[in-house]
PDB file of N, CA and C in Angstrom:
ATOM      1  N   VAL A   1     139.361-163.081-179.516  1.00  0.00           N
ATOM      2  CA  VAL A   1     140.288-162.183-178.824  1.00  0.00           C
ATOM      3  C   VAL A   1     140.319-162.541-177.347  1.00  0.00           C
ATOM      4  N   GLN A   2     141.509-162.816-176.858  1.00  0.00           N
ATOM      5  CA  GLN A   2     141.666-163.127-175.440  1.00  0.00           C
ATOM      6  C   GLN A   2     142.861-162.404-174.872  1.00  0.00           C
ATOM      7  N   LEU A   3     142.732-162.007-173.609  1.00  0.00           N
ATOM      8  CA  LEU A   3     143.802-161.352-172.880  1.00  0.00           C
ATOM      9  C   LEU A   3     143.996-162.082-171.561  1.00  0.00           C
ATOM     10  N   GLN A   4     145.252-162.323-171.221  1.00  0.00           N
ATOM     11  CA  GLN A   4     145.567-163.033-169.987  1.00  0.00           C
ATOM     12  C   GLN A   4     146.557-162.191-169.198  1.00  0.00           C
ATOM     13  N   ALA A   5     146.071-161.598-168.107  1.00  0.00           N
ATOM     14  CA  ALA A   5     146.936-160.785-167.258  1.00  0.00           C
ATOM     15  C   ALA A   5     147.549-161.639-166.162  1.00  0.00           C
ATOM     16  N   SER A   6     148.778-161.332-165.820  1.00  0.00           N
ATOM     17  CA  SER A   6     149.472-162.053-164.759  1.00  0.00           C
ATOM     18  C   SER A   6     150.572-161.173-164.187  1.00  0.00           C
ATOM     19  N   GLY A   7     151.157-161.652-163.093  1.00  0.00           N
ATOM     20  CA  GLY A   7     152.306-160.963-162.525  1.00  0.00           C
ATOM     21  C   GLY A   7     152.027-160.176-161.263  1.00  0.00           C
ATOM     22  N   GLY A   8     150.799-160.170-160.815  1.00  0.00           N
ATOM     23  CA  GLY A   8     150.489-159.450-159.601  1.00  0.00           C
ATOM     24  C   GLY A   8     151.101-160.110-158.382  1.00  0.00           C
ATOM     25  N   GLY A   9     151.046-159.403-157.269  1.00  0.00           N
ATOM     26  CA  GLY A   9     151.595-159.942-156.040  1.00  0.00           C
ATOM     27  C   GLY A   9     151.653-158.898-154.960  1.00  0.00           C
ATOM     28  N   LEU A  10     152.388-159.238-153.912  1.00  0.00           N
ATOM     29  CA  LEU A  10     152.563-158.356-152.767  1.00  0.00           C
ATOM     30  C   LEU A  10     153.960-157.740-152.827  1.00  0.00           C
ATOM     31  N   VAL A  11     154.033-156.431-152.691  1.00  0.00           N
ATOM     32  CA  VAL A  11     155.316-155.743-152.752  1.00  0.00           C
ATOM     33  C   VAL A  11     155.309-154.602-151.733  1.00  0.00           C
ATOM     34  N   GLN A  12     156.477-154.280-151.219  1.00  0.00           N
ATOM     35  CA  GLN A  12     156.581-153.177-150.281  1.00  0.00           C
ATOM     36  C   GLN A  12     156.559-151.839-151.015  1.00  0.00           C
ATOM     37  N   ALA A  13     156.126-150.821-150.320  1.00  0.00           N
ATOM     38  CA  ALA A  13     156.138-149.472-150.887  1.00  0.00           C
ATOM     39  C   ALA A  13     157.553-149.123-151.354  1.00  0.00           C
ATOM     40  N   GLY A  14     157.624-148.509-152.516  1.00  0.00           N
ATOM     41  CA  GLY A  14     158.910-148.177-153.110  1.00  0.00           C
ATOM     42  C   GLY A  14     159.450-149.247-154.031  1.00  0.00           C
ATOM     43  N   GLY A  15     158.831-150.406-154.002  1.00  0.00           N
ATOM     44  CA  GLY A  15     159.285-151.516-154.826  1.00  0.00           C
ATOM     45  C   GLY A  15     158.729-151.459-156.237  1.00  0.00           C
ATOM     46  N   SER A  16     159.042-152.509-156.993  1.00  0.00           N
ATOM     47  CA  SER A  16     158.630-152.590-158.387  1.00  0.00           C
ATOM     48  C   SER A  16     157.947-153.914-158.660  1.00  0.00           C
ATOM     49  N   LEU A  17     157.156-153.901-159.722  1.00  0.00           N
ATOM     50  CA  LEU A  17     156.452-155.098-160.154  1.00  0.00           C
ATOM     51  C   LEU A  17     156.204-154.964-161.640  1.00  0.00           C
ATOM     52  N   ARG A  18     156.249-156.068-162.364  1.00  0.00           N
ATOM     53  CA  ARG A  18     155.930-156.046-163.782  1.00  0.00           C
ATOM     54  C   ARG A  18     154.769-156.978-164.057  1.00  0.00           C
ATOM     55  N   LEU A  19     153.729-156.427-164.620  1.00  0.00           N
ATOM     56  CA  LEU A  19     152.568-157.203-165.020  1.00  0.00           C
ATOM     57  C   LEU A  19     152.665-157.548-166.504  1.00  0.00           C
ATOM     58  N   SER A  20     152.125-158.697-166.846  1.00  0.00           N
ATOM     59  CA  SER A  20     152.108-159.142-168.237  1.00  0.00           C
ATOM     60  C   SER A  20     150.675-159.277-168.718  1.00  0.00           C
ATOM     61  N   CYS A  21     150.488-159.022-169.988  1.00  0.00           N
ATOM     62  CA  CYS A  21     149.186-159.211-170.620  1.00  0.00           C
ATOM     63  C   CYS A  21     149.437-159.957-171.928  1.00  0.00           C
ATOM     64  N   ALA A  22     149.191-161.255-171.914  1.00  0.00           N
ATOM     65  CA  ALA A  22     149.401-162.083-173.090  1.00  0.00           C
ATOM     66  C   ALA A  22     148.147-162.060-173.952  1.00  0.00           C
ATOM     67  N   ALA A  23     148.325-161.735-175.221  1.00  0.00           N
ATOM     68  CA  ALA A  23     147.199-161.603-176.129  1.00  0.00           C
ATOM     69  C   ALA A  23     147.137-162.783-177.094  1.00  0.00           C
ATOM     70  N   SER A  24     145.927-163.171-177.450  1.00  0.00           N
ATOM     71  CA  SER A  24     145.725-164.188-178.476  1.00  0.00           C
ATOM     72  C   SER A  24     144.506-163.808-179.306  1.00  0.00           C
ATOM     73  N   GLY A  25     144.527-164.226-180.551  1.00  0.00           N
ATOM     74  CA  GLY A  25     143.420-163.901-181.445  1.00  0.00           C
ATOM     75  C   GLY A  25     143.558-162.572-182.155  1.00  0.00           C
ATOM     76  N   PHE A  26     144.605-161.833-181.830  1.00  0.00           N
ATOM     77  CA  PHE A  26     144.872-160.571-182.503  1.00  0.00           C
ATOM     78  C   PHE A  26     146.328-160.209-182.255  1.00  0.00           C
ATOM     79  N   THR A  27     146.791-159.219-183.001  1.00  0.00           N
ATOM     80  CA  THR A  27     148.165-158.748-182.845  1.00  0.00           C
ATOM     81  C   THR A  27     148.163-157.477-182.015  1.00  0.00           C
ATOM     82  N   VAL A  28     149.000-157.421-180.997  1.00  0.00           N
ATOM     83  CA  VAL A  28     148.950-156.294-180.060  1.00  0.00           C
ATOM     84  C   VAL A  28     149.235-154.961-180.746  1.00  0.00           C
ATOM     85  N   ASN A  29     150.003-154.977-181.813  1.00  0.00           N
ATOM     86  CA  ASN A  29     150.292-153.716-182.498  1.00  0.00           C
ATOM     87  C   ASN A  29     149.075-153.158-183.235  1.00  0.00           C
ATOM     88  N   ASP A  30     148.077-153.982-183.459  1.00  0.00           N
ATOM     89  CA  ASP A  30     146.893-153.551-184.217  1.00  0.00           C
ATOM     90  C   ASP A  30     145.777-153.025-183.319  1.00  0.00           C
ATOM     91  N   TYR A  31     145.967-153.134-182.023  1.00  0.00           N
ATOM     92  CA  TYR A  31     144.952-152.721-181.063  1.00  0.00           C
ATOM     93  C   TYR A  31     145.535-151.698-180.101  1.00  0.00           C
ATOM     94  N   THR A  32     144.721-150.779-179.665  1.00  0.00           N
ATOM     95  CA  THR A  32     145.099-149.952-178.524  1.00  0.00           C
ATOM     96  C   THR A  32     144.982-150.820-177.268  1.00  0.00           C
ATOM     97  N   ILE A  33     146.046-150.842-176.499  1.00  0.00           N
ATOM     98  CA  ILE A  33     146.106-151.650-175.287  1.00  0.00           C
ATOM     99  C   ILE A  33     146.104-150.722-174.077  1.00  0.00           C
ATOM    100  N   GLY A  34     145.214-150.999-173.167  1.00  0.00           N
ATOM    101  CA  GLY A  34     145.139-150.190-171.962  1.00  0.00           C
ATOM    102  C   GLY A  34     145.281-151.029-170.711  1.00  0.00           C
ATOM    103  N   TRP A  35     145.800-150.407-169.683  1.00  0.00           N
ATOM    104  CA  TRP A  35     145.827-151.005-168.352  1.00  0.00           C
ATOM    105  C   TRP A  35     144.917-150.174-167.458  1.00  0.00           C
ATOM    106  N   PHE A  36     144.107-150.867-166.689  1.00  0.00           N
ATOM    107  CA  PHE A  36     143.181-150.243-165.766  1.00  0.00           C
ATOM    108  C   PHE A  36     143.333-150.893-164.403  1.00  0.00           C
ATOM    109  N   ARG A  37     142.785-150.263-163.393  1.00  0.00           N
ATOM    110  CA  ARG A  37     142.822-150.846-162.063  1.00  0.00           C
ATOM    111  C   ARG A  37     141.552-150.483-161.304  1.00  0.00           C
ATOM    112  N   GLN A  38     141.247-151.341-160.351  1.00  0.00           N
ATOM    113  CA  GLN A  38     140.068-151.107-159.535  1.00  0.00           C
ATOM    114  C   GLN A  38     140.362-151.509-158.102  1.00  0.00           C
ATOM    115  N   ALA A  39     140.283-150.551-157.223  1.00  0.00           N
ATOM    116  CA  ALA A  39     140.463-150.790-155.797  1.00  0.00           C
ATOM    117  C   ALA A  39     139.108-151.070-155.169  1.00  0.00           C
ATOM    118  N   PRO A  40     139.091-151.744-154.037  1.00  0.00           N
ATOM    119  CA  PRO A  40     137.813-152.056-153.383  1.00  0.00           C
ATOM    120  C   PRO A  40     136.993-150.796-153.122  1.00  0.00           C
ATOM    121  N   GLY A  41     135.732-150.844-153.513  1.00  0.00           N
ATOM    122  CA  GLY A  41     134.844-149.720-153.272  1.00  0.00           C
ATOM    123  C   GLY A  41     135.021-148.548-154.204  1.00  0.00           C
ATOM    124  N   LYS A  42     135.902-148.696-155.181  1.00  0.00           N
ATOM    125  CA  LYS A  42     136.146-147.590-156.113  1.00  0.00           C
ATOM    126  C   LYS A  42     135.813-148.012-157.532  1.00  0.00           C
ATOM    127  N   GLU A  43     135.647-147.031-158.386  1.00  0.00           N
ATOM    128  CA  GLU A  43     135.401-147.306-159.790  1.00  0.00           C
ATOM    129  C   GLU A  43     136.699-147.711-160.486  1.00  0.00           C
ATOM    130  N   ARG A  44     136.527-148.418-161.581  1.00  0.00           N
ATOM    131  CA  ARG A  44     137.688-148.786-162.385  1.00  0.00           C
ATOM    132  C   ARG A  44     138.276-147.519-163.005  1.00  0.00           C
ATOM    133  N   GLU A  45     139.598-147.398-162.926  1.00  0.00           N
ATOM    134  CA  GLU A  45     140.253-146.213-163.447  1.00  0.00           C
ATOM    135  C   GLU A  45     141.395-146.606-164.378  1.00  0.00           C
ATOM    136  N   ALA A  46     141.689-145.689-165.279  1.00  0.00           N
ATOM    137  CA  ALA A  46     142.758-145.957-166.228  1.00  0.00           C
ATOM    138  C   ALA A  46     144.117-145.748-165.583  1.00  0.00           C
ATOM    139  N   VAL A  47     145.066-146.536-166.019  1.00  0.00           N
ATOM    140  CA  VAL A  47     146.458-146.388-165.624  1.00  0.00           C
ATOM    141  C   VAL A  47     147.236-145.765-166.782  1.00  0.00           C
ATOM    142  N   LEU A  48     147.172-146.403-167.924  1.00  0.00           N
ATOM    143  CA  LEU A  48     147.800-145.892-169.131  1.00  0.00           C
ATOM    144  C   LEU A  48     147.338-146.706-170.314  1.00  0.00           C
ATOM    145  N   CYS A  49     147.644-146.217-171.501  1.00  0.00           N
ATOM    146  CA  CYS A  49     147.364-147.003-172.691  1.00  0.00           C
ATOM    147  C   CYS A  49     148.390-146.656-173.763  1.00  0.00           C
ATOM    148  N   VAL A  50     148.542-147.549-174.715  1.00  0.00           N
ATOM    149  CA  VAL A  50     149.385-147.272-175.879  1.00  0.00           C
ATOM    150  C   VAL A  50     148.505-147.389-177.106  1.00  0.00           C
ATOM    151  N   SER A  51     148.505-146.334-177.900  1.00  0.00           N
ATOM    152  CA  SER A  51     147.587-146.231-179.021  1.00  0.00           C
ATOM    153  C   SER A  51     148.106-146.989-180.243  1.00  0.00           C
ATOM    154  N   SER A  52     147.200-147.679-180.922  1.00  0.00           N
ATOM    155  CA  SER A  52     147.560-148.350-182.174  1.00  0.00           C
ATOM    156  C   SER A  52     147.592-147.358-183.335  1.00  0.00           C
ATOM    157  N   PHE A  53     147.013-146.172-183.159  1.00  0.00           N
ATOM    158  CA  PHE A  53     146.961-145.200-184.255  1.00  0.00           C
ATOM    159  C   PHE A  53     148.223-144.364-184.334  1.00  0.00           C
ATOM    160  N   ASP A  54     148.665-143.843-183.194  1.00  0.00           N
ATOM    161  CA  ASP A  54     149.822-142.953-183.247  1.00  0.00           C
ATOM    162  C   ASP A  54     151.019-143.475-182.476  1.00  0.00           C
ATOM    163  N   GLY A  55     150.868-144.640-181.834  1.00  0.00           N
ATOM    164  CA  GLY A  55     151.972-145.245-181.111  1.00  0.00           C
ATOM    165  C   GLY A  55     152.319-144.560-179.808  1.00  0.00           C
ATOM    166  N   ARG A  56     151.556-143.540-179.453  1.00  0.00           N
ATOM    167  CA  ARG A  56     151.869-142.807-178.237  1.00  0.00           C
ATOM    168  C   ARG A  56     151.290-143.510-177.023  1.00  0.00           C
ATOM    169  N   THR A  57     151.913-143.233-175.898  1.00  0.00           N
ATOM    170  CA  THR A  57     151.422-143.732-174.622  1.00  0.00           C
ATOM    171  C   THR A  57     150.779-142.585-173.855  1.00  0.00           C
ATOM    172  N   TYR A  58     149.635-142.845-173.285  1.00  0.00           N
ATOM    173  CA  TYR A  58     148.905-141.850-172.505  1.00  0.00           C
ATOM    174  C   TYR A  58     148.811-142.350-171.067  1.00  0.00           C
ATOM    175  N   TYR A  59     149.108-141.454-170.132  1.00  0.00           N
ATOM    176  CA  TYR A  59     149.223-141.844-168.735  1.00  0.00           C
ATOM    177  C   TYR A  59     148.180-141.131-167.878  1.00  0.00           C
ATOM    178  N   ALA A  60     147.688-141.838-166.880  1.00  0.00           N
ATOM    179  CA  ALA A  60     146.957-141.163-165.822  1.00  0.00           C
ATOM    180  C   ALA A  60     147.959-140.365-164.998  1.00  0.00           C
ATOM    181  N   ASP A  61     147.536-139.217-164.496  1.00  0.00           N
ATOM    182  CA  ASP A  61     148.447-138.358-163.743  1.00  0.00           C
ATOM    183  C   ASP A  61     149.062-139.074-162.551  1.00  0.00           C
ATOM    184  N   SER A  62     148.300-139.976-161.959  1.00  0.00           N
ATOM    185  CA  SER A  62     148.750-140.651-160.743  1.00  0.00           C
ATOM    186  C   SER A  62     149.932-141.580-160.966  1.00  0.00           C
ATOM    187  N   VAL A  63     150.208-141.944-162.205  1.00  0.00           N
ATOM    188  CA  VAL A  63     151.283-142.912-162.455  1.00  0.00           C
ATOM    189  C   VAL A  63     152.392-142.339-163.334  1.00  0.00           C
ATOM    190  N   LYS A  64     152.257-141.121-163.775  1.00  0.00           N
ATOM    191  CA  LYS A  64     153.292-140.526-164.632  1.00  0.00           C
ATOM    192  C   LYS A  64     154.639-140.541-163.932  1.00  0.00           C
ATOM    193  N   GLY A  65     155.645-140.964-164.666  1.00  0.00           N
ATOM    194  CA  GLY A  65     156.988-141.013-164.111  1.00  0.00           C
ATOM    195  C   GLY A  65     157.287-142.273-163.321  1.00  0.00           C
ATOM    196  N   ARG A  66     156.267-143.098-163.097  1.00  0.00           N
ATOM    197  CA  ARG A  66     156.481-144.325-162.316  1.00  0.00           C
ATOM    198  C   ARG A  66     156.157-145.592-163.115  1.00  0.00           C
ATOM    199  N   PHE A  67     155.148-145.520-163.942  1.00  0.00           N
ATOM    200  CA  PHE A  67     154.695-146.696-164.703  1.00  0.00           C
ATOM    201  C   PHE A  67     155.032-146.506-166.177  1.00  0.00           C
ATOM    202  N   THR A  68     155.394-147.608-166.818  1.00  0.00           N
ATOM    203  CA  THR A  68     155.622-147.590-168.264  1.00  0.00           C
ATOM    204  C   THR A  68     155.029-148.841-168.891  1.00  0.00           C
ATOM    205  N   ILE A  69     154.809-148.773-170.182  1.00  0.00           N
ATOM    206  CA  ILE A  69     154.269-149.898-170.922  1.00  0.00           C
ATOM    207  C   ILE A  69     155.253-150.289-172.019  1.00  0.00           C
ATOM    208  N   SER A  70     155.352-151.578-172.283  1.00  0.00           N
ATOM    209  CA  SER A  70     156.213-152.044-173.354  1.00  0.00           C
ATOM    210  C   SER A  70     155.567-153.258-174.009  1.00  0.00           C
ATOM    211  N   LYS A  71     156.078-153.597-175.175  1.00  0.00           N
ATOM    212  CA  LYS A  71     155.542-154.735-175.913  1.00  0.00           C
ATOM    213  C   LYS A  71     156.652-155.681-176.312  1.00  0.00           C
ATOM    214  N   ASP A  72     156.323-156.955-176.341  1.00  0.00           N
ATOM    215  CA  ASP A  72     157.191-157.969-176.937  1.00  0.00           C
ATOM    216  C   ASP A  72     156.399-158.547-178.096  1.00  0.00           C
ATOM    217  N   ASN A  73     156.703-158.084-179.294  1.00  0.00           N
ATOM    218  CA  ASN A  73     155.916-158.501-180.456  1.00  0.00           C
ATOM    219  C   ASN A  73     156.050-159.995-180.729  1.00  0.00           C
ATOM    220  N   ALA A  74     157.213-160.545-180.465  1.00  0.00           N
ATOM    221  CA  ALA A  74     157.419-161.977-180.702  1.00  0.00           C
ATOM    222  C   ALA A  74     156.513-162.818-179.810  1.00  0.00           C
ATOM    223  N   LYS A  75     156.271-162.327-178.601  1.00  0.00           N
ATOM    224  CA  LYS A  75     155.413-163.051-177.666  1.00  0.00           C
ATOM    225  C   LYS A  75     153.976-162.537-177.693  1.00  0.00           C
ATOM    226  N   ASN A  76     153.746-161.487-178.473  1.00  0.00           N
ATOM    227  CA  ASN A  76     152.415-160.866-178.529  1.00  0.00           C
ATOM    228  C   ASN A  76     151.921-160.530-177.119  1.00  0.00           C
ATOM    229  N   THR A  77     152.793-159.928-176.364  1.00  0.00           N
ATOM    230  CA  THR A  77     152.535-159.642-174.950  1.00  0.00           C
ATOM    231  C   THR A  77     152.865-158.189-174.659  1.00  0.00           C
ATOM    232  N   VAL A  78     152.052-157.595-173.797  1.00  0.00           N
ATOM    233  CA  VAL A  78     152.270-156.233-173.353  1.00  0.00           C
ATOM    234  C   VAL A  78     152.585-156.266-171.862  1.00  0.00           C
ATOM    235  N   TYR A  79     153.518-155.419-171.453  1.00  0.00           N
ATOM    236  CA  TYR A  79     153.958-155.388-170.068  1.00  0.00           C
ATOM    237  C   TYR A  79     153.660-154.035-169.435  1.00  0.00           C
ATOM    238  N   LEU A  80     153.334-154.070-168.174  1.00  0.00           N
ATOM    239  CA  LEU A  80     153.189-152.857-167.383  1.00  0.00           C
ATOM    240  C   LEU A  80     154.265-152.889-166.307  1.00  0.00           C
ATOM    241  N   GLN A  81     155.245-152.024-166.444  1.00  0.00           N
ATOM    242  CA  GLN A  81     156.310-151.912-165.452  1.00  0.00           C
ATOM    243  C   GLN A  81     155.911-150.853-164.442  1.00  0.00           C
ATOM    244  N   MET A  82     155.855-151.254-163.197  1.00  0.00           N
ATOM    245  CA  MET A  82     155.430-150.350-162.134  1.00  0.00           C
ATOM    246  C   MET A  82     156.580-150.161-161.154  1.00  0.00           C
ATOM    247  N   ASN A  83     157.050-148.944-161.050  1.00  0.00           N
ATOM    248  CA  ASN A  83     158.143-148.607-160.145  1.00  0.00           C
ATOM    249  C   ASN A  83     157.664-147.643-159.073  1.00  0.00           C
ATOM    250  N   SER A  84     158.449-147.538-158.023  1.00  0.00           N
ATOM    251  CA  SER A  84     158.121-146.609-156.922  1.00  0.00           C
ATOM    252  C   SER A  84     156.674-146.790-156.473  1.00  0.00           C
ATOM    253  N   LEU A  85     156.318-148.020-156.251  1.00  0.00           N
ATOM    254  CA  LEU A  85     154.930-148.319-155.904  1.00  0.00           C
ATOM    255  C   LEU A  85     154.541-147.718-154.559  1.00  0.00           C
ATOM    256  N   LYS A  86     153.278-147.334-154.482  1.00  0.00           N
ATOM    257  CA  LYS A  86     152.719-146.730-153.286  1.00  0.00           C
ATOM    258  C   LYS A  86     151.537-147.568-152.801  1.00  0.00           C
ATOM    259  N   PRO A  87     151.210-147.488-151.526  1.00  0.00           N
ATOM    260  CA  PRO A  87     150.041-148.236-151.036  1.00  0.00           C
ATOM    261  C   PRO A  87     148.771-147.919-151.811  1.00  0.00           C
ATOM    262  N   GLU A  88     148.643-146.707-152.290  1.00  0.00           N
ATOM    263  CA  GLU A  88     147.442-146.339-153.051  1.00  0.00           C
ATOM    264  C   GLU A  88     147.405-146.957-154.446  1.00  0.00           C
ATOM    265  N   ASP A  89     148.465-147.625-154.838  1.00  0.00           N
ATOM    266  CA  ASP A  89     148.447-148.375-156.098  1.00  0.00           C
ATOM    267  C   ASP A  89     147.804-149.754-155.930  1.00  0.00           C
ATOM    268  N   THR A  90     147.487-150.114-154.709  1.00  0.00           N
ATOM    269  CA  THR A  90     146.861-151.402-154.449  1.00  0.00           C
ATOM    270  C   THR A  90     145.515-151.490-155.153  1.00  0.00           C
ATOM    271  N   ALA A  91     145.347-152.527-155.963  1.00  0.00           N
ATOM    272  CA  ALA A  91     144.126-152.689-156.747  1.00  0.00           C
ATOM    273  C   ALA A  91     144.218-153.988-157.537  1.00  0.00           C
ATOM    274  N   VAL A  92     143.107-154.349-158.147  1.00  0.00           N
ATOM    275  CA  VAL A  92     143.124-155.383-159.168  1.00  0.00           C
ATOM    276  C   VAL A  92     143.406-154.687-160.498  1.00  0.00           C
ATOM    277  N   TYR A  93     144.401-155.176-161.206  1.00  0.00           N
ATOM    278  CA  TYR A  93     144.820-154.572-162.457  1.00  0.00           C
ATOM    279  C   TYR A  93     144.308-155.412-163.636  1.00  0.00           C
ATOM    280  N   TYR A  94     143.792-154.714-164.640  1.00  0.00           N
ATOM    281  CA  TYR A  94     143.229-155.350-165.822  1.00  0.00           C
ATOM    282  C   TYR A  94     143.907-154.795-167.080  1.00  0.00           C
ATOM    283  N   CYS A  95     144.109-155.656-168.061  1.00  0.00           N
ATOM    284  CA  CYS A  95     144.491-155.162-169.374  1.00  0.00           C
ATOM    285  C   CYS A  95     143.275-155.252-170.292  1.00  0.00           C
ATOM    286  N   ALA A  96     143.231-154.348-171.254  1.00  0.00           N
ATOM    287  CA  ALA A  96     142.098-154.262-172.165  1.00  0.00           C
ATOM    288  C   ALA A  96     142.608-153.899-173.556  1.00  0.00           C
ATOM    289  N   ALA A  97     141.799-154.202-174.556  1.00  0.00           N
ATOM    290  CA  ALA A  97     142.217-153.947-175.930  1.00  0.00           C
ATOM    291  C   ALA A  97     141.017-153.595-176.793  1.00  0.00           C
ATOM    292  N   ASP A  98     141.280-152.765-177.769  1.00  0.00           N
ATOM    293  CA  ASP A  98     140.243-152.419-178.734  1.00  0.00           C
ATOM    294  C   ASP A  98     140.904-151.893-180.000  1.00  0.00           C
ATOM    295  N   PRO A  99     140.395-152.239-181.172  1.00  0.00           N
ATOM    296  CA  PRO A  99     141.036-151.797-182.412  1.00  0.00           C
ATOM    297  C   PRO A  99     140.561-150.436-182.922  1.00  0.00           C
ATOM    298  N   TRP A 100     139.511-149.882-182.302  1.00  0.00           N
ATOM    299  CA  TRP A 100     138.873-148.701-182.900  1.00  0.00           C
ATOM    300  C   TRP A 100     138.817-147.493-181.975  1.00  0.00           C
ATOM    301  N   ILE A 101     139.815-147.321-181.133  1.00  0.00           N
ATOM    302  CA  ILE A 101     139.818-146.164-180.239  1.00  0.00           C
ATOM    303  C   ILE A 101     140.489-144.995-180.944  1.00  0.00           C
ATOM    304  N   VAL A 102     139.693-143.992-181.268  1.00  0.00           N
ATOM    305  CA  VAL A 102     140.207-142.851-182.008  1.00  0.00           C
ATOM    306  C   VAL A 102     140.832-141.818-181.082  1.00  0.00           C
ATOM    307  N   ASN A 103     140.307-141.725-179.890  1.00  0.00           N
ATOM    308  CA  ASN A 103     140.794-140.732-178.939  1.00  0.00           C
ATOM    309  C   ASN A 103     141.276-141.429-177.670  1.00  0.00           C
ATOM    310  N   PRO A 104     142.405-142.100-177.728  1.00  0.00           N
ATOM    311  CA  PRO A 104     142.865-142.895-176.584  1.00  0.00           C
ATOM    312  C   PRO A 104     143.218-142.067-175.364  1.00  0.00           C
ATOM    313  N   SER A 105     143.468-140.781-175.548  1.00  0.00           N
ATOM    314  CA  SER A 105     143.849-139.945-174.406  1.00  0.00           C
ATOM    315  C   SER A 105     142.716-139.786-173.401  1.00  0.00           C
ATOM    316  N   ARG A 106     141.517-140.156-173.796  1.00  0.00           N
ATOM    317  CA  ARG A 106     140.387-140.065-172.857  1.00  0.00           C
ATOM    318  C   ARG A 106     140.560-141.058-171.705  1.00  0.00           C
ATOM    319  N   LEU A 107     141.223-142.170-171.978  1.00  0.00           N
ATOM    320  CA  LEU A 107     141.526-143.159-170.928  1.00  0.00           C
ATOM    321  C   LEU A 107     140.274-143.551-170.136  1.00  0.00           C
ATOM    322  N   VAL A 108     139.256-144.007-170.839  1.00  0.00           N
ATOM    323  CA  VAL A 108     138.057-144.460-170.145  1.00  0.00           C
ATOM    324  C   VAL A 108     137.792-145.917-170.493  1.00  0.00           C
ATOM    325  N   PRO A 109     137.364-146.700-169.512  1.00  0.00           N
ATOM    326  CA  PRO A 109     137.163-148.132-169.769  1.00  0.00           C
ATOM    327  C   PRO A 109     136.086-148.424-170.800  1.00  0.00           C
ATOM    328  N   GLU A 110     135.134-147.524-170.966  1.00  0.00           N
ATOM    329  CA  GLU A 110     134.034-147.775-171.903  1.00  0.00           C
ATOM    330  C   GLU A 110     134.506-147.849-173.351  1.00  0.00           C
ATOM    331  N   GLN A 111     135.704-147.376-173.630  1.00  0.00           N
ATOM    332  CA  GLN A 111     136.237-147.423-174.987  1.00  0.00           C
ATOM    333  C   GLN A 111     136.697-148.822-175.387  1.00  0.00           C
ATOM    334  N   TYR A 112     136.883-149.700-174.424  1.00  0.00           N
ATOM    335  CA  TYR A 112     137.524-150.986-174.674  1.00  0.00           C
ATOM    336  C   TYR A 112     136.503-152.123-174.698  1.00  0.00           C
ATOM    337  N   GLU A 113     136.594-152.951-175.734  1.00  0.00           N
ATOM    338  CA  GLU A 113     135.662-154.066-175.868  1.00  0.00           C
ATOM    339  C   GLU A 113     136.177-155.333-175.200  1.00  0.00           C
ATOM    340  N   HIS A 114     137.481-155.545-175.263  1.00  0.00           N
ATOM    341  CA  HIS A 114     138.040-156.815-174.815  1.00  0.00           C
ATOM    342  C   HIS A 114     138.826-156.624-173.526  1.00  0.00           C
ATOM    343  N   TRP A 115     138.581-157.512-172.575  1.00  0.00           N
ATOM    344  CA  TRP A 115     139.194-157.410-171.257  1.00  0.00           C
ATOM    345  C   TRP A 115     139.775-158.748-170.827  1.00  0.00           C
ATOM    346  N   GLY A 116     140.889-158.659-170.133  1.00  0.00           N
ATOM    347  CA  GLY A 116     141.430-159.840-169.495  1.00  0.00           C
ATOM    348  C   GLY A 116     140.916-159.940-168.069  1.00  0.00           C
ATOM    349  N   GLN A 117     141.209-161.057-167.431  1.00  0.00           N
ATOM    350  CA  GLN A 117     140.858-161.163-166.023  1.00  0.00           C
ATOM    351  C   GLN A 117     141.852-160.323-165.225  1.00  0.00           C
ATOM    352  N   GLY A 118     141.527-159.968-164.051  1.00  0.00           N
ATOM    353  CA  GLY A 118     142.402-159.103-163.277  1.00  0.00           C
ATOM    354  C   GLY A 118     143.505-159.860-162.554  1.00  0.00           C
ATOM    355  N   THR A 119     144.501-159.096-162.145  1.00  0.00           N
ATOM    356  CA  THR A 119     145.563-159.637-161.315  1.00  0.00           C
ATOM    357  C   THR A 119     145.754-158.675-160.146  1.00  0.00           C
ATOM    358  N   GLN A 120     145.840-159.244-158.948  1.00  0.00           N
ATOM    359  CA  GLN A 120     145.864-158.418-157.733  1.00  0.00           C
ATOM    360  C   GLN A 120     147.269-157.886-157.475  1.00  0.00           C
ATOM    361  N   VAL A 121     147.341-156.597-157.219  1.00  0.00           N
ATOM    362  CA  VAL A 121     148.577-155.957-156.787  1.00  0.00           C
ATOM    363  C   VAL A 121     148.324-155.342-155.414  1.00  0.00           C
ATOM    364  N   THR A 122     149.148-155.733-154.460  1.00  0.00           N
ATOM    365  CA  THR A 122     149.024-155.204-153.112  1.00  0.00           C
ATOM    366  C   THR A 122     150.354-154.583-152.710  1.00  0.00           C
ATOM    367  N   VAL A 123     150.294-153.310-152.318  1.00  0.00           N
ATOM    368  CA  VAL A 123     151.499-152.597-151.911  1.00  0.00           C
ATOM    369  C   VAL A 123     151.390-152.307-150.422  1.00  0.00           C
ATOM    370  N   SER A 124     152.323-152.845-149.663  1.00  0.00           N
ATOM    371  CA  SER A 124     152.301-152.655-148.222  1.00  0.00           C
ATOM    372  C   SER A 124     153.137-151.442-147.832  1.00  0.00           C
ATOM    373  N   SER A 125     152.718-150.785-146.769  1.00  0.00           N
ATOM    374  CA  SER A 125     153.427-149.570-146.323  1.00  0.00           C
ATOM    375  C   SER A 125     154.523-149.902-145.332  1.00  0.00           C
TER     376      SER A 125
END
């Protein structure tokens, strides 16, 4: 199982960015896929996830209404669309996957076994 995150960069506040998470060794529909982020000096926090059990998406309060997740099954890739970006969204973003998350709404990194490398997102004010 491998995850490859990409698409980070520098964007002005109010702008948009789309991150990609390319999966190999498994099918994205069979795993709960989560996006997490970690800012300097802070703990890793959840952004959102899409559950393989019920197909629902669960959001951290800080990104509701601004971030969405989508999948391209043909490419076995998951995308994180980030709109109305704020300076406080600046962080290294990670995608993660696990096939056995029963309670995905908890949105905690400890639930996920497989992680991709991070991609830096910087939002300037």
